Amino acid sequence: MVHGAGMDRTVWSQQTRYLAHHGFSAMAVDLPGHGDSSGELLSTIDEMADWLAGLIRSLDLGPVRLVGHSMGCLIALETAARHGDVTERLVLMGAAAAMPVHPDLLGAAERNEILAPQLMTAWAHGTRAHIAGNPTPGLWMRSGCQALLERAADGVIYNDLFACSSYEAGDIAGQVKCPITVIVGSEDKMTPPKATAQLVAGFSEVELLHLEGIGHMMMLEAPDQIREMMLTALQ
């Protein structure tokens, strides 16, 4: 499982244990410079995909079923296109062929301002998550996501957002040969359903699943539904 911009493996905590309980060898990675992973930040999606393929080969895991969220979708797609031998299926959440980033957000991230995680958190959630919505009583979903982003070291959020904004997929859909499941939230403002539909149109073997009233952070906003969708897609 591959996390999105500015995040780390803990964003998948609701899914990894569930999949392991159902017999999968589930692994969520920290990209270099994220979470507990050391090493220099990787500045392009291509570099991240090559790193991921190298990790899979070094652990003798492949071919694997890759799950990606947001930036992680771009990495998973590029890994499947460049390293098809290590990839047998993709599950993508919050996906689009292009992920332009607003200049105000890029600027705040470059200056390491608290405004960057605040903006990302505000845009990343659906309506219900802004007022409550956490399945655990007493916890506010948005604050947990913002705390995760604020935990990132200086430069991480900008590095990732710039990599997303600079990425040009080209005919990436035509280069991916494995089966794909794409999950889209109806209230996703970061990768809107229209942008996801444009990406999906190019795939040869794809299943598109919809979540009503859910935003970009779907695995946090609708953990039960996402777990079931993932389990079905990965079996």
Protein backbone atom coordinates (compact mmCIF):
# COMPACT_ATOMS: atom_id res chain seq x y z
CA MET A 1 0.00 0.00 0.00
CA VAL A 2 1.37 3.37 -1.05
CA HIS A 3 0.45 6.57 0.78
CA GLY A 4 -0.29 10.01 -0.60
CA ALA A 5 1.54 13.34 -0.44
CA GLY A 6 2.97 14.30 2.95
CA MET A 7 1.68 11.15 4.62
CA ASP A 8 3.10 7.81 5.74
CA ARG A 9 2.13 4.18 6.19
CA THR A 10 -0.10 4.88 9.21
CA VAL A 11 -2.82 6.24 6.94
CA TRP A 12 -3.51 2.57 6.07
CA SER A 13 -3.86 1.39 9.68
CA GLN A 14 -7.56 0.62 9.24
CA GLN A 15 -6.86 -1.62 6.24
CA THR A 16 -3.59 -3.48 6.89
CA ARG A 17 -4.75 -5.45 9.91
CA TYR A 18 -8.09 -6.24 8.27
CA LEU A 19 -6.41 -7.66 5.17
CA ALA A 20 -3.90 -9.59 7.28
CA HIS A 21 -6.81 -11.09 9.22
CA HIS A 22 -8.23 -12.28 5.90
CA GLY A 23 -5.06 -14.07 4.88
CA PHE A 24 -3.12 -11.41 2.99
CA SER A 25 0.51 -10.50 3.56
CA ALA A 26 -0.30 -6.80 3.83
CA MET A 27 2.47 -4.21 3.75
CA ALA A 28 2.17 -0.42 3.90
CA VAL A 29 5.38 1.41 2.98
CA ASP A 30 6.92 4.68 4.10
CA LEU A 31 8.46 6.33 1.06
CA PRO A 32 12.04 7.59 1.60
CA GLY A 33 12.04 10.59 3.92
CA HIS A 34 8.52 9.81 5.17
CA GLY A 35 7.47 8.27 8.47
CA ASP A 36 10.21 5.96 9.72
CA SER A 37 12.01 5.64 6.37
CA SER A 38 15.42 7.28 6.14
CA GLY A 39 17.05 8.40 2.92
CA GLU A 40 16.70 11.40 0.66
CA LEU A 41 13.31 12.46 -0.62
CA LEU A 42 12.58 11.32 -4.17
CA SER A 43 11.60 14.30 -6.29
CA THR A 44 9.65 12.66 -9.13
CA ILE A 45 6.93 10.05 -9.49
CA ASP A 46 9.23 8.05 -11.77
CA GLU A 47 11.90 7.88 -9.06
CA MET A 48 9.32 6.80 -6.49
CA ALA A 49 8.05 4.06 -8.82
CA ASP A 50 11.57 2.78 -9.44
CA TRP A 51 12.24 2.77 -5.69
CA LEU A 52 9.04 0.82 -5.04
CA ALA A 53 9.85 -1.75 -7.73
CA GLY A 54 13.34 -2.11 -6.25
CA LEU A 55 11.87 -2.70 -2.80
CA ILE A 56 9.51 -5.38 -4.13
CA ARG A 57 12.38 -7.14 -5.89
CA SER A 58 14.76 -6.87 -2.93
CA LEU A 59 12.18 -8.53 -0.66
CA ASP A 60 11.36 -11.12 -3.33
CA LEU A 61 7.66 -10.29 -3.07
CA GLY A 62 6.53 -9.94 -6.66
CA PRO A 63 4.33 -9.96 -8.45
CA VAL A 64 2.21 -7.99 -5.96
CA ARG A 65 -1.19 -6.35 -5.79
CA LEU A 66 -0.53 -2.63 -5.34
CA VAL A 67 -2.92 -0.29 -3.55
CA GLY A 68 -2.37 3.44 -3.93
CA HIS A 69 -4.02 6.61 -2.66
CA SER A 70 -3.65 9.99 -4.40
CA MET A 71 0.08 10.40 -5.10
CA GLY A 72 0.31 6.70 -4.32
CA CYS A 73 -1.97 6.08 -7.33
CA LEU A 74 0.50 7.80 -9.63
CA ILE A 75 3.33 5.75 -8.13
CA ALA A 76 1.37 2.50 -8.49
CA LEU A 77 0.44 3.29 -12.09
CA GLU A 78 3.99 4.20 -13.01
CA THR A 79 5.30 1.07 -11.29
CA ALA A 80 2.89 -1.10 -13.28
CA ALA A 81 3.84 0.65 -16.52
CA ARG A 82 7.61 0.60 -15.96
CA HIS A 83 7.91 -2.64 -14.01
CA GLY A 84 5.07 -4.87 -15.11
CA ASP A 85 6.86 -7.97 -13.87
CA VAL A 86 6.35 -6.98 -10.22
CA THR A 87 2.70 -5.94 -10.51
CA GLU A 88 -0.34 -8.17 -11.01
CA ARG A 89 -3.23 -5.93 -9.94
CA LEU A 90 -3.90 -2.32 -8.92
CA VAL A 91 -6.43 -0.79 -6.54
CA LEU A 92 -6.50 3.01 -6.85
CA MET A 93 -8.24 5.54 -4.58
CA GLY A 94 -8.39 9.23 -5.37
CA ALA A 95 -6.88 8.74 -8.81
CA ALA A 96 -6.38 11.01 -11.81
CA ALA A 97 -3.89 11.10 -14.68
CA ALA A 98 -2.91 14.66 -13.72
CA MET A 99 -2.84 16.19 -10.23
CA PRO A 100 -2.24 19.94 -10.57
CA VAL A 101 -1.71 21.75 -7.28
CA HIS A 102 -2.96 25.27 -6.57
CA PRO A 103 -0.09 27.81 -6.44
CA ASP A 104 -1.20 29.05 -3.01
CA LEU A 105 -0.89 25.55 -1.58
CA LEU A 106 2.46 24.96 -3.27
CA GLY A 107 3.76 28.27 -1.93
CA ALA A 108 2.63 27.54 1.62
CA ALA A 109 4.22 24.08 1.44
CA GLU A 110 7.49 25.48 0.10
CA ARG A 111 7.62 27.88 3.05
CA ASN A 112 6.77 25.03 5.46
CA GLU A 113 3.76 26.98 6.73
CA ILE A 114 1.05 25.40 8.86
CA LEU A 115 -1.36 26.68 6.20
CA ALA A 116 -0.32 23.83 3.88
CA PRO A 117 -1.64 20.94 6.01
CA GLN A 118 -4.65 23.07 6.93
CA LEU A 119 -5.58 23.59 3.28
CA MET A 120 -4.92 19.97 2.38
CA THR A 121 -7.10 18.77 5.23
CA ALA A 122 -9.92 21.17 4.34
CA TRP A 123 -9.97 20.14 0.68
CA ALA A 124 -9.43 16.43 1.27
CA HIS A 125 -12.59 15.61 3.19
CA GLY A 126 -16.25 15.35 2.29
CA THR A 127 -18.97 17.40 3.97
CA ARG A 128 -19.74 14.94 6.77
CA ALA A 129 -16.10 14.74 7.85
CA HIS A 130 -16.03 18.51 8.40
CA ILE A 131 -18.64 18.34 11.14
CA ALA A 132 -18.09 14.88 12.63
CA GLY A 133 -18.06 11.56 10.84
CA ASN A 134 -15.39 9.69 12.79
CA PRO A 135 -16.53 6.11 13.49
CA THR A 136 -14.84 6.40 16.91
CA PRO A 137 -17.02 8.56 19.21
CA GLY A 138 -15.29 11.67 20.52
CA LEU A 139 -12.67 11.91 17.77
CA TRP A 140 -12.68 14.49 14.98
CA MET A 141 -11.64 13.02 11.66
CA ARG A 142 -10.11 16.19 10.21
CA SER A 143 -7.84 16.79 13.19
CA GLY A 144 -6.31 13.32 12.87
CA CYS A 145 -5.51 13.86 9.21
CA GLN A 146 -4.04 17.29 9.87
CA ALA A 147 -1.88 15.93 12.70
CA LEU A 148 -0.52 13.29 10.32
CA LEU A 149 0.44 15.96 7.77
CA GLU A 150 1.96 18.22 10.43
CA ARG A 151 4.16 15.32 11.51
CA ALA A 152 5.98 15.38 8.16
CA ALA A 153 9.49 16.82 8.20
CA ASP A 154 10.14 20.20 6.59
CA GLY A 155 10.17 19.97 2.83
CA VAL A 156 8.25 16.70 2.58
CA ILE A 157 4.85 18.14 1.69
CA TYR A 158 6.32 20.53 -0.88
CA ASN A 159 8.43 17.77 -2.41
CA ASP A 160 5.40 15.52 -2.84
CA LEU A 161 3.01 18.19 -4.09
CA PHE A 162 5.56 19.41 -6.62
CA ALA A 163 6.10 15.83 -7.82
CA CYS A 164 2.35 15.41 -8.31
CA SER A 165 1.96 18.77 -10.02
CA SER A 166 4.91 18.10 -12.36
CA TYR A 167 3.92 14.56 -13.31
CA GLU A 168 2.82 13.97 -16.88
CA ALA A 169 1.16 10.60 -17.29
CA GLY A 170 1.00 10.63 -21.08
CA ASP A 171 -0.40 7.29 -22.27
CA ILE A 172 0.07 5.67 -18.88
CA ALA A 173 -3.33 3.97 -19.05
CA GLY A 174 -2.38 2.25 -22.29
CA GLN A 175 0.85 0.95 -20.78
CA VAL A 176 -0.75 -0.76 -17.77
CA LYS A 177 -1.81 -4.30 -18.63
CA CYS A 178 -2.95 -5.67 -15.27
CA PRO A 179 -6.55 -5.54 -13.92
CA ILE A 180 -7.44 -2.34 -12.07
CA THR A 181 -10.06 -1.34 -9.53
CA VAL A 182 -10.63 2.40 -9.09
CA ILE A 183 -12.59 3.81 -6.14
CA VAL A 184 -13.92 7.36 -6.40
CA GLY A 185 -15.64 9.59 -3.83
CA SER A 186 -18.49 11.77 -5.05
CA GLU A 187 -17.23 14.73 -2.97
CA ASP A 188 -13.54 14.38 -3.87
CA LYS A 189 -12.27 17.91 -4.58
CA MET A 190 -8.62 16.93 -5.13
CA THR A 191 -9.21 14.27 -7.78
CA PRO A 192 -12.82 14.95 -8.84
CA PRO A 193 -14.92 12.14 -10.33
CA LYS A 194 -14.69 13.79 -13.76
CA ALA A 195 -10.88 13.60 -13.67
CA THR A 196 -11.03 10.00 -12.49
CA ALA A 197 -13.41 9.13 -15.34
CA GLN A 198 -10.95 10.54 -17.87
CA LEU A 199 -8.22 8.27 -16.49
CA VAL A 200 -10.45 5.20 -16.32
CA ALA A 201 -11.53 5.60 -19.95
CA GLY A 202 -8.05 4.60 -21.09
CA PHE A 203 -7.78 1.32 -19.16
CA SER A 204 -8.43 -1.97 -20.91
CA GLU A 205 -9.56 -3.93 -17.82
CA VAL A 206 -11.03 -1.76 -15.08
CA GLU A 207 -13.74 -1.76 -12.42
CA LEU A 208 -15.01 1.63 -11.19
CA LEU A 209 -16.59 1.83 -7.73
CA HIS A 210 -18.39 4.89 -6.29
CA LEU A 211 -18.71 6.17 -2.73
CA GLU A 212 -21.50 8.70 -2.24
CA GLY A 213 -20.86 11.64 0.08
CA ILE A 214 -17.19 10.77 0.54
CA GLY A 215 -14.17 12.95 -0.22
CA HIS A 216 -10.53 12.35 -1.11
CA MET A 217 -9.55 10.74 2.22
CA MET A 218 -11.89 7.84 1.62
CA MET A 219 -10.01 5.20 3.62
CA LEU A 220 -10.43 7.43 6.70
CA GLU A 221 -13.93 8.71 5.89
CA ALA A 222 -15.43 5.32 5.01
CA PRO A 223 -13.08 2.69 6.47
CA ASP A 224 -15.62 -0.13 6.59
CA GLN A 225 -16.69 0.31 2.96
CA ILE A 226 -13.10 0.66 1.78
CA ARG A 227 -12.04 -2.48 3.60
CA GLU A 228 -14.81 -4.49 1.95
CA MET A 229 -14.09 -3.02 -1.49
CA MET A 230 -10.38 -3.73 -1.12
CA LEU A 231 -10.97 -7.28 0.04
CA THR A 232 -13.23 -8.02 -2.93
CA ALA A 233 -10.86 -6.38 -5.42
CA LEU A 234 -7.75 -8.12 -4.12
CA GLN A 235 -9.15 -11.64 -3.90
